[in-house]
Protein backbone atom coordinates (compact mmCIF):
# COMPACT_ATOMS: atom_id res chain seq x y z
CA GLY A 1 -36.36 113.78 86.10
CA TYR A 2 -36.84 117.48 85.22
CA MET A 3 -35.71 121.41 85.38
CA ASN A 4 -37.53 122.80 87.58
CA GLY A 5 -36.62 126.70 87.68
CA ASP A 6 -36.79 128.90 90.65
CA MET A 7 -35.90 132.95 91.11
CA GLY A 8 -35.05 134.72 93.78
CA LEU A 9 -35.08 138.39 93.89
CA GLY A 10 -34.32 140.47 97.14
CA LYS A 11 -32.68 143.96 98.47
CA THR A 12 -31.93 144.81 101.15
CA PHE A 13 -32.32 148.63 102.70
CA ASP A 14 -30.77 150.15 105.54
CA MET A 15 -31.90 151.94 108.42
CA PRO A 16 -31.38 155.78 108.28
CA TRP A 17 -31.37 155.96 112.25
CA ASP A 18 -29.46 153.19 112.86
CA ASP A 19 -26.20 151.15 110.37
CA LYS A 20 -27.22 148.22 112.23
CA GLN A 21 -30.89 147.82 111.49
CA LYS A 22 -31.83 147.20 108.07
CA LEU A 23 -34.94 146.22 106.35
CA GLN A 24 -35.00 143.31 103.55
CA LEU A 25 -37.55 142.74 101.24
CA ARG A 26 -37.74 139.37 99.42
CA TRP A 27 -39.84 138.02 95.90
CA ASP A 28 -39.12 133.93 95.54
CA VAL A 29 -40.63 132.27 92.34
CA PHE A 30 -40.67 128.41 92.75
CA ASN A 31 -41.14 126.52 89.08
CA VAL A 32 -40.88 129.94 87.15
CA ALA A 33 -41.78 128.46 83.83
CA ASN A 34 -44.47 126.39 85.36
CA TYR A 35 -43.34 123.53 83.42
CA GLN A 36 -45.74 120.56 83.78
CA PRO A 37 -44.53 116.80 82.77
CA PHE A 38 -47.43 114.61 81.74
CA GLY A 39 -48.36 111.57 83.17
CA ALA A 40 -48.58 108.36 80.96
CA ILE A 41 -51.62 107.75 77.91
CA ASP A 42 -54.37 105.62 78.24
CA ASN A 43 -52.54 103.27 76.14
CA SER A 44 -56.31 100.72 77.03
CA ARG A 45 -58.39 99.13 74.44
CA SER A 46 -61.26 101.69 76.10
CA GLY A 47 -58.90 104.97 75.80
CA PHE A 48 -58.06 104.56 72.23
CA GLY A 49 -62.34 103.93 72.12
CA VAL A 50 -61.57 100.50 69.87
CA ALA A 51 -64.60 98.43 70.88
CA ARG A 52 -64.13 94.71 71.64
CA ASP A 53 -66.65 93.70 68.48
CA PRO A 54 -65.99 95.75 65.50
CA LYS A 55 -69.51 94.99 64.37
CA LEU A 56 -71.09 96.72 67.03
CA ARG A 57 -69.10 100.05 65.42
CA ASN A 58 -69.30 101.74 68.85
CA LEU A 59 -68.15 105.43 67.49
CA THR A 60 -68.62 107.25 70.52
CA PRO A 61 -65.05 108.07 71.96
CA PRO A 62 -64.86 107.14 75.38
CA SER A 63 -64.76 110.22 78.22
CA ASN A 64 -61.21 109.70 78.85
CA TRP A 65 -59.83 109.86 75.11
CA SER A 66 -56.57 110.62 74.35
CA ASN A 67 -56.08 112.38 77.43
CA PHE A 68 -53.09 112.62 79.92
CA THR A 69 -53.82 110.29 83.25
CA ALA A 70 -52.34 112.62 85.50
CA ILE A 71 -50.11 115.63 85.58
CA GLN A 72 -46.64 115.68 87.48
CA GLY A 73 -44.93 117.92 89.16
CA SER A 74 -45.98 120.98 91.52
CA PRO A 75 -47.85 124.54 90.46
CA ARG A 76 -45.75 128.39 89.75
CA GLU A 77 -46.07 129.38 93.38
CA MET A 78 -44.72 132.42 94.73
CA GLN A 79 -44.59 133.98 98.02
CA VAL A 80 -42.94 137.87 99.45
CA ALA A 81 -41.37 138.19 102.54
CA LEU A 82 -40.24 141.42 104.49
CA ARG A 83 -37.56 141.27 107.14
CA TYR A 84 -36.62 143.74 109.85
CA SER A 85 -32.96 142.74 111.38
CA PHE A 86 -31.82 145.31 114.43
């Protein structure tokens, strides 16, 4: 596994006309560092660009040349919330 850091900030304000009424503002960030672990590299013969017959001299790299086949995890997400309590 990997560490996925989340963070949240909040501030609660008392309403001046009634102490029981409150207004809260929150900002939450998920995956703060935007850490993306990579999937496996294509280790097949075509992934390395090696031709079956070396005499063909196929020097054109394949379309997925040394590419990671997938990215795992989720991107950074943010949300803002406003809550009124009475």
